[in-house]
């Protein structure tokens, strides 16, 4: 077990985990922000991962992300059950399968169990992404 400090009440392991989650969240936030502007990089999955990391590491960063005028909309639409855009689904599934196929052919080339595990993971994640509602933007005419 880690040593609990009197000042913060958290152990060294907890502080390290929080720092790692904060770093991972920031990396995902950066990729998600880039994905807002770059058509081939899906923003929503990265922003959702960033939110999950921040939720477990920094309440301040989590609240900032949810209330951010650019990134918060993606997360709120997902959390409210409105879903993610079709383009994001297609790109996420394409990247998923490209990464899985690369890993299967180039990395675990002769390990049948690993190849099968990767294939099953890709199928399950693909099904999950397809089952998420597709967000359709609506135009408001005043």
C-alpha atoms as a PDB file:
ATOM      1  CA  UNK A   1       0.000   0.000   0.000  1.00  0.00           C
ATOM      2  CA  UNK A   2       1.072   3.562  -0.563  1.00  0.00           C
ATOM      3  CA  UNK A   3       1.852   5.968   2.218  1.00  0.00           C
ATOM      4  CA  UNK A   4      -0.958   8.408   2.955  1.00  0.00           C
ATOM      5  CA  UNK A   5       0.169  11.990   3.268  1.00  0.00           C
ATOM      6  CA  UNK A   6      -1.328  14.123   6.020  1.00  0.00           C
ATOM      7  CA  UNK A   7      -1.642  17.137   3.739  1.00  0.00           C
ATOM      8  CA  UNK A   8      -3.789  15.647   0.952  1.00  0.00           C
ATOM      9  CA  UNK A   9      -5.023  12.338   2.342  1.00  0.00           C
ATOM     10  CA  UNK A  10      -3.967  10.550  -0.846  1.00  0.00           C
ATOM     11  CA  UNK A  11      -1.342   7.901  -1.329  1.00  0.00           C
ATOM     12  CA  UNK A  12       1.590   8.165  -3.694  1.00  0.00           C
ATOM     13  CA  UNK A  13      -0.023   5.556  -5.983  1.00  0.00           C
ATOM     14  CA  UNK A  14      -3.209   7.596  -6.172  1.00  0.00           C
ATOM     15  CA  UNK A  15      -1.261  10.756  -7.051  1.00  0.00           C
ATOM     16  CA  UNK A  16       0.646   8.904  -9.774  1.00  0.00           C
ATOM     17  CA  UNK A  17      -2.596   7.455 -11.177  1.00  0.00           C
ATOM     18  CA  UNK A  18      -4.211  10.893 -11.188  1.00  0.00           C
ATOM     19  CA  UNK A  19      -1.181  12.372 -12.972  1.00  0.00           C
ATOM     20  CA  UNK A  20      -1.282   9.605 -15.594  1.00  0.00           C
ATOM     21  CA  UNK A  21      -5.014  10.071 -16.123  1.00  0.00           C
ATOM     22  CA  UNK A  22      -4.576  13.835 -16.376  1.00  0.00           C
ATOM     23  CA  UNK A  23      -1.832  13.339 -18.986  1.00  0.00           C
ATOM     24  CA  UNK A  24      -3.879  10.805 -20.954  1.00  0.00           C
ATOM     25  CA  UNK A  25      -6.888  13.123 -20.811  1.00  0.00           C
ATOM     26  CA  UNK A  26      -4.854  16.037 -22.122  1.00  0.00           C
ATOM     27  CA  UNK A  27      -3.465  13.948 -24.994  1.00  0.00           C
ATOM     28  CA  UNK A  28      -6.973  12.780 -25.913  1.00  0.00           C
ATOM     29  CA  UNK A  29      -8.311  16.326 -25.610  1.00  0.00           C
ATOM     30  CA  UNK A  30      -5.613  17.517 -28.007  1.00  0.00           C
ATOM     31  CA  UNK A  31      -6.434  14.760 -30.515  1.00  0.00           C
ATOM     32  CA  UNK A  32     -10.156  15.488 -30.146  1.00  0.00           C
ATOM     33  CA  UNK A  33      -9.624  19.204 -30.694  1.00  0.00           C
ATOM     34  CA  UNK A  34      -7.611  18.448 -33.822  1.00  0.00           C
ATOM     35  CA  UNK A  35     -10.403  16.082 -34.894  1.00  0.00           C
ATOM     36  CA  UNK A  36     -12.907  18.934 -34.836  1.00  0.00           C
ATOM     37  CA  UNK A  37     -11.002  20.539 -37.711  1.00  0.00           C
ATOM     38  CA  UNK A  38      -9.379  17.570 -39.479  1.00  0.00           C
ATOM     39  CA  UNK A  39     -11.968  15.480 -41.334  1.00  0.00           C
ATOM     40  CA  UNK A  40     -10.187  12.112 -40.960  1.00  0.00           C
ATOM     41  CA  UNK A  41      -9.698  12.280 -37.186  1.00  0.00           C
ATOM     42  CA  UNK A  42     -12.833  11.581 -35.129  1.00  0.00           C
ATOM     43  CA  UNK A  43     -13.335  14.146 -32.375  1.00  0.00           C
ATOM     44  CA  UNK A  44     -16.058  12.537 -30.262  1.00  0.00           C
ATOM     45  CA  UNK A  45     -14.282   9.330 -29.143  1.00  0.00           C
ATOM     46  CA  UNK A  46     -11.173  11.250 -28.079  1.00  0.00           C
ATOM     47  CA  UNK A  47     -13.234  13.849 -26.223  1.00  0.00           C
ATOM     48  CA  UNK A  48     -15.199  11.121 -24.431  1.00  0.00           C
ATOM     49  CA  UNK A  49     -11.956   9.453 -23.342  1.00  0.00           C
ATOM     50  CA  UNK A  50     -10.602  12.816 -22.200  1.00  0.00           C
ATOM     51  CA  UNK A  51     -13.762  13.414 -20.159  1.00  0.00           C
ATOM     52  CA  UNK A  52     -13.476   9.968 -18.547  1.00  0.00           C
ATOM     53  CA  UNK A  53      -9.822  10.602 -17.652  1.00  0.00           C
ATOM     54  CA  UNK A  54     -10.541  14.065 -16.269  1.00  0.00           C
ATOM     55  CA  UNK A  55     -13.552  12.809 -14.314  1.00  0.00           C
ATOM     56  CA  UNK A  56     -11.211  10.477 -12.402  1.00  0.00           C
ATOM     57  CA  UNK A  57      -8.290  12.869 -12.069  1.00  0.00           C
ATOM     58  CA  UNK A  58      -9.334  16.527 -12.013  1.00  0.00           C
ATOM     59  CA  UNK A  59     -12.781  17.887 -11.227  1.00  0.00           C
ATOM     60  CA  UNK A  60     -11.674  21.318 -12.444  1.00  0.00           C
ATOM     61  CA  UNK A  61     -10.571  20.012 -15.869  1.00  0.00           C
ATOM     62  CA  UNK A  62     -13.678  17.819 -16.178  1.00  0.00           C
ATOM     63  CA  UNK A  63     -16.004  20.784 -15.524  1.00  0.00           C
ATOM     64  CA  UNK A  64     -13.994  22.981 -17.885  1.00  0.00           C
ATOM     65  CA  UNK A  65     -14.259  20.370 -20.655  1.00  0.00           C
ATOM     66  CA  UNK A  66     -18.012  19.891 -20.213  1.00  0.00           C
ATOM     67  CA  UNK A  67     -18.607  23.641 -20.287  1.00  0.00           C
ATOM     68  CA  UNK A  68     -16.209  24.361 -23.159  1.00  0.00           C
ATOM     69  CA  UNK A  69     -18.115  25.868 -26.084  1.00  0.00           C
ATOM     70  CA  UNK A  70     -16.337  23.735 -28.697  1.00  0.00           C
ATOM     71  CA  UNK A  71     -15.706  20.397 -26.985  1.00  0.00           C
ATOM     72  CA  UNK A  72     -18.560  20.317 -24.491  1.00  0.00           C
ATOM     73  CA  UNK A  73     -21.213  19.930 -27.187  1.00  0.00           C
ATOM     74  CA  UNK A  74     -19.811  16.599 -28.377  1.00  0.00           C
ATOM     75  CA  UNK A  75     -19.777  15.179 -24.863  1.00  0.00           C
ATOM     76  CA  UNK A  76     -23.195  16.563 -23.902  1.00  0.00           C
ATOM     77  CA  UNK A  77     -24.799  15.120 -27.055  1.00  0.00           C
ATOM     78  CA  UNK A  78     -23.402  11.692 -26.208  1.00  0.00           C
ATOM     79  CA  UNK A  79     -24.361  11.865 -22.517  1.00  0.00           C
ATOM     80  CA  UNK A  80     -27.894  13.061 -23.333  1.00  0.00           C
ATOM     81  CA  UNK A  81     -28.387  10.105 -25.678  1.00  0.00           C
ATOM     82  CA  UNK A  82     -28.385  12.230 -28.820  1.00  0.00           C
ATOM     83  CA  UNK A  83     -25.462  10.182 -30.105  1.00  0.00           C
ATOM     84  CA  UNK A  84     -22.468  10.901 -32.271  1.00  0.00           C
ATOM     85  CA  UNK A  85     -22.349  12.085 -35.899  1.00  0.00           C
ATOM     86  CA  UNK A  86     -22.413   9.446 -38.644  1.00  0.00           C
ATOM     87  CA  UNK A  87     -19.094  10.689 -40.010  1.00  0.00           C
ATOM     88  CA  UNK A  88     -17.491  10.126 -36.611  1.00  0.00           C
ATOM     89  CA  UNK A  89     -18.879   6.598 -36.428  1.00  0.00           C
ATOM     90  CA  UNK A  90     -17.571   5.705 -39.881  1.00  0.00           C
ATOM     91  CA  UNK A  91     -14.117   7.140 -39.255  1.00  0.00           C
ATOM     92  CA  UNK A  92     -13.853   5.534 -35.804  1.00  0.00           C
ATOM     93  CA  UNK A  93     -14.802   2.109 -37.168  1.00  0.00           C
ATOM     94  CA  UNK A  94     -12.426   2.486 -40.115  1.00  0.00           C
ATOM     95  CA  UNK A  95      -9.509   3.440 -37.840  1.00  0.00           C
ATOM     96  CA  UNK A  96     -10.418   0.630 -35.442  1.00  0.00           C
ATOM     97  CA  UNK A  97     -10.336  -2.010 -38.167  1.00  0.00           C
ATOM     98  CA  UNK A  98      -7.196  -0.575 -39.763  1.00  0.00           C
ATOM     99  CA  UNK A  99      -5.391  -0.750 -36.410  1.00  0.00           C
ATOM    100  CA  UNK A 100      -6.705  -4.247 -35.668  1.00  0.00           C
ATOM    101  CA  UNK A 101      -5.748  -5.550 -39.113  1.00  0.00           C
ATOM    102  CA  UNK A 102      -2.285  -4.014 -38.847  1.00  0.00           C
ATOM    103  CA  UNK A 103      -1.820  -5.529 -35.397  1.00  0.00           C
ATOM    104  CA  UNK A 104      -3.092  -8.913 -36.546  1.00  0.00           C
ATOM    105  CA  UNK A 105      -0.870  -9.069 -39.623  1.00  0.00           C
ATOM    106  CA  UNK A 106       2.272  -7.268 -38.481  1.00  0.00           C
ATOM    107  CA  UNK A 107       2.410  -7.672 -34.689  1.00  0.00           C
ATOM    108  CA  UNK A 108       0.769 -10.954 -33.693  1.00  0.00           C
ATOM    109  CA  UNK A 109       1.230 -12.571 -37.072  1.00  0.00           C
ATOM    110  CA  UNK A 110       1.614 -16.163 -35.860  1.00  0.00           C
ATOM    111  CA  UNK A 111      -0.325 -16.124 -32.586  1.00  0.00           C
ATOM    112  CA  UNK A 112      -3.784 -17.397 -33.471  1.00  0.00           C
ATOM    113  CA  UNK A 113      -5.275 -16.763 -30.008  1.00  0.00           C
ATOM    114  CA  UNK A 114      -4.167 -13.111 -30.079  1.00  0.00           C
ATOM    115  CA  UNK A 115      -5.512 -12.686 -33.608  1.00  0.00           C
ATOM    116  CA  UNK A 116      -8.850 -14.136 -32.565  1.00  0.00           C
ATOM    117  CA  UNK A 117      -8.968 -11.908 -29.456  1.00  0.00           C
ATOM    118  CA  UNK A 118      -8.265  -8.795 -31.564  1.00  0.00           C
ATOM    119  CA  UNK A 119     -10.959  -9.795 -34.047  1.00  0.00           C
ATOM    120  CA  UNK A 120     -13.517 -10.286 -31.260  1.00  0.00           C
ATOM    121  CA  UNK A 121     -12.587  -6.936 -29.681  1.00  0.00           C
ATOM    122  CA  UNK A 122     -12.978  -5.175 -33.043  1.00  0.00           C
ATOM    123  CA  UNK A 123     -16.381  -6.798 -33.581  1.00  0.00           C
ATOM    124  CA  UNK A 124     -17.666  -5.873 -30.122  1.00  0.00           C
ATOM    125  CA  UNK A 125     -16.446  -2.262 -30.361  1.00  0.00           C
ATOM    126  CA  UNK A 126     -17.890  -1.948 -33.881  1.00  0.00           C
ATOM    127  CA  UNK A 127     -21.272  -3.225 -32.682  1.00  0.00           C
ATOM    128  CA  UNK A 128     -21.160  -0.779 -29.778  1.00  0.00           C
ATOM    129  CA  UNK A 129     -20.391   2.143 -32.097  1.00  0.00           C
ATOM    130  CA  UNK A 130     -23.137   1.172 -34.535  1.00  0.00           C
ATOM    131  CA  UNK A 131     -25.680   0.894 -31.707  1.00  0.00           C
ATOM    132  CA  UNK A 132     -24.941   4.398 -30.402  1.00  0.00           C
ATOM    133  CA  UNK A 133     -27.614   6.766 -31.735  1.00  0.00           C
ATOM    134  CA  UNK A 134     -26.582   8.838 -34.734  1.00  0.00           C
ATOM    135  CA  UNK A 135     -26.633  12.549 -33.974  1.00  0.00           C
ATOM    136  CA  UNK A 136     -28.374  14.615 -36.626  1.00  0.00           C
ATOM    137  CA  UNK A 137     -27.855  18.334 -36.593  1.00  0.00           C
ATOM    138  CA  UNK A 138     -31.049  20.310 -36.884  1.00  0.00           C
ATOM    139  CA  UNK A 139     -31.266  23.733 -38.408  1.00  0.00           C
ATOM    140  CA  UNK A 140     -33.262  26.255 -36.418  1.00  0.00           C
ATOM    141  CA  UNK A 141     -35.117  28.806 -38.500  1.00  0.00           C
ATOM    142  CA  UNK A 142     -36.394  31.801 -36.565  1.00  0.00           C
END
